[in-house]
Amino acid sequence: MDAKIIKAAIYTRVSTEDQAKEGFSLDAQLDKLRSYCKARDWEIGGEYIDDGYSGRYIKHRPAYNKMMQEMEKWDALLVIKMDRIHRNSKNFMMMMEDLQKQGKEFVSMTESLDTGT
C-alpha cells in the first residue's frame, strides 16, 4: 500500500520589526521550509507569504486568509516558528481548532511541533 503524499501549505511572514532581524527574511524562511518539505518527501500545496504584516491580527493578513480559504489544497500547515503564524495565543488556539475540524496538521519546523506525529 502506498503511503499518502502530504501536501504542505508553507506560510511565511515578516513584520516591519522582524525585517531588521537576522534569519527572519522571507527568502530564508522559504528556503528552509522548501528544504524541509523535500527532506520529508512532502509536496508543496501552496506558498503563502505575508510581507510586512503583524502577527497579532488575522484579518489584516491577506496570504493567511487565502491559505485558510484554500484548505482543500493542502494537508499540513508548515511554519518555521509558531510566532510566524500567530502572536496571540487565543488566535493560535482558534486556528488549531479549525485545522483539527478539517483534518489538517500543523507543523512548526524549529520547535519540533507536529500534530501528525
C-alpha atoms as a PDB file:
ATOM      1  CA  MET A   1       0.000   0.000   0.000  1.00  0.00           C
ATOM      2  CA  ASP A   2       1.367   3.398  -0.983  1.00  0.00           C
ATOM      3  CA  ALA A   3       1.939   5.997   1.699  1.00  0.00           C
ATOM      4  CA  LYS A   4      -0.116   9.133   1.281  1.00  0.00           C
ATOM      5  CA  ILE A   5       1.792  12.079  -0.131  1.00  0.00           C
ATOM      6  CA  ILE A   6       1.481  15.033   2.245  1.00  0.00           C
ATOM      7  CA  LYS A   7       0.803  18.403   0.645  1.00  0.00           C
ATOM      8  CA  ALA A   8       2.064  21.243   2.789  1.00  0.00           C
ATOM      9  CA  ALA A   9       0.928  24.838   2.873  1.00  0.00           C
ATOM     10  CA  ILE A  10       4.053  26.878   3.536  1.00  0.00           C
ATOM     11  CA  TYR A  11       3.309  30.058   5.466  1.00  0.00           C
ATOM     12  CA  THR A  12       5.876  32.806   5.922  1.00  0.00           C
ATOM     13  CA  ARG A  13       5.503  36.220   7.467  1.00  0.00           C
ATOM     14  CA  VAL A  14       7.663  39.137   8.428  1.00  0.00           C
ATOM     15  CA  SER A  15       6.534  42.288  10.136  1.00  0.00           C
ATOM     16  CA  THR A  16       8.403  45.532   9.753  1.00  0.00           C
ATOM     17  CA  GLU A  17      10.187  44.863  13.079  1.00  0.00           C
ATOM     18  CA  ASP A  18      11.200  41.340  12.026  1.00  0.00           C
ATOM     19  CA  GLN A  19      12.738  42.577   8.796  1.00  0.00           C
ATOM     20  CA  ALA A  20      15.594  44.123  10.769  1.00  0.00           C
ATOM     21  CA  LYS A  21      16.419  40.812  12.496  1.00  0.00           C
ATOM     22  CA  GLU A  22      18.782  38.210  11.085  1.00  0.00           C
ATOM     23  CA  GLY A  23      17.300  34.949   9.826  1.00  0.00           C
ATOM     24  CA  PHE A  24      13.690  36.072   9.555  1.00  0.00           C
ATOM     25  CA  SER A  25      13.775  37.191   5.925  1.00  0.00           C
ATOM     26  CA  LEU A  26      11.054  35.768   3.728  1.00  0.00           C
ATOM     27  CA  ASP A  27      13.645  34.196   1.419  1.00  0.00           C
ATOM     28  CA  ALA A  28      15.396  32.492   4.352  1.00  0.00           C
ATOM     29  CA  GLN A  29      12.084  31.160   5.680  1.00  0.00           C
ATOM     30  CA  LEU A  30      11.028  29.899   2.249  1.00  0.00           C
ATOM     31  CA  ASP A  31      14.379  28.202   1.589  1.00  0.00           C
ATOM     32  CA  LYS A  32      14.289  26.362   4.920  1.00  0.00           C
ATOM     33  CA  LEU A  33      10.651  25.322   4.577  1.00  0.00           C
ATOM     34  CA  ARG A  34      11.107  24.113   0.991  1.00  0.00           C
ATOM     35  CA  SER A  35      14.116  22.062   2.108  1.00  0.00           C
ATOM     36  CA  TYR A  36      12.096  20.624   4.999  1.00  0.00           C
ATOM     37  CA  CYS A  37       9.365  19.531   2.578  1.00  0.00           C
ATOM     38  CA  LYS A  38      11.922  17.949   0.266  1.00  0.00           C
ATOM     39  CA  ALA A  39      13.560  16.081   3.161  1.00  0.00           C
ATOM     40  CA  ARG A  40      10.189  14.664   4.256  1.00  0.00           C
ATOM     41  CA  ASP A  41       9.055  13.872   0.693  1.00  0.00           C
ATOM     42  CA  TRP A  42       6.184  16.335   1.006  1.00  0.00           C
ATOM     43  CA  GLU A  43       4.699  18.204  -1.920  1.00  0.00           C
ATOM     44  CA  ILE A  44       4.136  21.931  -1.593  1.00  0.00           C
ATOM     45  CA  GLY A  45       0.411  22.603  -1.791  1.00  0.00           C
ATOM     46  CA  GLY A  46       0.865  26.358  -1.747  1.00  0.00           C
ATOM     47  CA  GLU A  47       3.171  29.122  -0.582  1.00  0.00           C
ATOM     48  CA  TYR A  48       1.531  31.912   1.371  1.00  0.00           C
ATOM     49  CA  ILE A  49       3.618  34.987   2.090  1.00  0.00           C
ATOM     50  CA  ASP A  50       2.631  37.966   4.239  1.00  0.00           C
ATOM     51  CA  ASP A  51       5.291  40.654   3.860  1.00  0.00           C
ATOM     52  CA  GLY A  52       5.193  43.479   6.400  1.00  0.00           C
ATOM     53  CA  TYR A  53       2.191  42.251   8.414  1.00  0.00           C
ATOM     54  CA  SER A  54       1.897  41.980  12.181  1.00  0.00           C
ATOM     55  CA  GLY A  55       1.200  38.543  13.652  1.00  0.00           C
ATOM     56  CA  ARG A  56      -1.389  39.961  16.036  1.00  0.00           C
ATOM     57  CA  TYR A  57      -4.290  40.490  13.643  1.00  0.00           C
ATOM     58  CA  ILE A  58      -5.606  37.776  11.352  1.00  0.00           C
ATOM     59  CA  LYS A  59      -7.925  39.978   9.303  1.00  0.00           C
ATOM     60  CA  HIS A  60      -5.040  42.177   8.159  1.00  0.00           C
ATOM     61  CA  ARG A  61      -3.042  39.318   6.593  1.00  0.00           C
ATOM     62  CA  PRO A  62      -4.169  38.551   3.020  1.00  0.00           C
ATOM     63  CA  ALA A  63      -1.969  35.473   2.451  1.00  0.00           C
ATOM     64  CA  TYR A  64      -3.032  33.899   5.766  1.00  0.00           C
ATOM     65  CA  ASN A  65      -6.697  34.384   4.902  1.00  0.00           C
ATOM     66  CA  LYS A  66      -6.228  32.983   1.393  1.00  0.00           C
ATOM     67  CA  MET A  67      -4.411  29.941   2.827  1.00  0.00           C
ATOM     68  CA  MET A  68      -7.232  29.214   5.265  1.00  0.00           C
ATOM     69  CA  GLN A  69      -9.793  29.545   2.439  1.00  0.00           C
ATOM     70  CA  GLU A  70      -7.782  27.086   0.318  1.00  0.00           C
ATOM     71  CA  MET A  71      -7.564  24.287   2.898  1.00  0.00           C
ATOM     72  CA  GLU A  72      -8.692  21.733   0.335  1.00  0.00           C
ATOM     73  CA  LYS A  73      -5.341  22.217  -1.451  1.00  0.00           C
ATOM     74  CA  TRP A  74      -3.169  21.025   1.461  1.00  0.00           C
ATOM     75  CA  ASP A  75      -2.903  18.508   4.313  1.00  0.00           C
ATOM     76  CA  ALA A  76      -0.469  20.235   6.667  1.00  0.00           C
ATOM     77  CA  LEU A  77       0.312  23.828   7.551  1.00  0.00           C
ATOM     78  CA  LEU A  78       4.077  24.347   7.861  1.00  0.00           C
ATOM     79  CA  VAL A  79       5.783  27.314   9.509  1.00  0.00           C
ATOM     80  CA  ILE A  80       9.367  27.942  10.545  1.00  0.00           C
ATOM     81  CA  LYS A  81       8.331  29.071  14.067  1.00  0.00           C
ATOM     82  CA  MET A  82       4.989  29.338  15.804  1.00  0.00           C
ATOM     83  CA  ASP A  83       5.298  33.120  16.126  1.00  0.00           C
ATOM     84  CA  ARG A  84       5.246  33.385  12.321  1.00  0.00           C
ATOM     85  CA  ILE A  85       1.607  32.217  12.281  1.00  0.00           C
ATOM     86  CA  HIS A  86       0.237  33.909  15.430  1.00  0.00           C
ATOM     87  CA  ARG A  87       1.471  36.125  18.238  1.00  0.00           C
ATOM     88  CA  ASN A  88      -1.827  35.844  20.083  1.00  0.00           C
ATOM     89  CA  SER A  89      -2.448  32.524  21.876  1.00  0.00           C
ATOM     90  CA  LYS A  90      -6.248  32.819  21.530  1.00  0.00           C
ATOM     91  CA  ASN A  91      -5.923  33.184  17.744  1.00  0.00           C
ATOM     92  CA  PHE A  92      -3.487  30.261  17.679  1.00  0.00           C
ATOM     93  CA  MET A  93      -5.915  28.020  19.583  1.00  0.00           C
ATOM     94  CA  MET A  94      -8.811  29.029  17.300  1.00  0.00           C
ATOM     95  CA  MET A  95      -6.686  28.192  14.260  1.00  0.00           C
ATOM     96  CA  MET A  96      -5.743  24.817  15.758  1.00  0.00           C
ATOM     97  CA  GLU A  97      -9.435  24.021  16.333  1.00  0.00           C
ATOM     98  CA  ASP A  98     -10.217  24.925  12.704  1.00  0.00           C
ATOM     99  CA  LEU A  99      -7.369  22.749  11.439  1.00  0.00           C
ATOM    100  CA  GLN A 100      -8.449  19.823  13.608  1.00  0.00           C
ATOM    101  CA  LYS A 101     -12.060  20.069  12.397  1.00  0.00           C
ATOM    102  CA  GLN A 102     -10.808  19.906   8.804  1.00  0.00           C
ATOM    103  CA  GLY A 103      -8.398  17.016   9.491  1.00  0.00           C
ATOM    104  CA  LYS A 104      -5.331  19.177   8.855  1.00  0.00           C
ATOM    105  CA  GLU A 105      -1.985  19.003  10.619  1.00  0.00           C
ATOM    106  CA  PHE A 106       0.168  21.823  11.960  1.00  0.00           C
ATOM    107  CA  VAL A 107       3.970  21.654  11.868  1.00  0.00           C
ATOM    108  CA  SER A 108       6.438  24.143  13.328  1.00  0.00           C
ATOM    109  CA  MET A 109       9.831  23.275  11.889  1.00  0.00           C
ATOM    110  CA  THR A 110      12.163  24.711  14.523  1.00  0.00           C
ATOM    111  CA  GLU A 111      10.061  23.895  17.572  1.00  0.00           C
ATOM    112  CA  SER A 112       9.516  20.231  16.720  1.00  0.00           C
ATOM    113  CA  LEU A 113       5.743  20.587  16.929  1.00  0.00           C
ATOM    114  CA  ASP A 114       3.975  18.240  14.545  1.00  0.00           C
ATOM    115  CA  THR A 115       0.347  17.352  15.246  1.00  0.00           C
ATOM    116  CA  GLY A 116       0.630  14.485  12.765  1.00  0.00           C
ATOM    117  CA  THR A 117       3.109  12.515  14.878  1.00  0.00           C
END
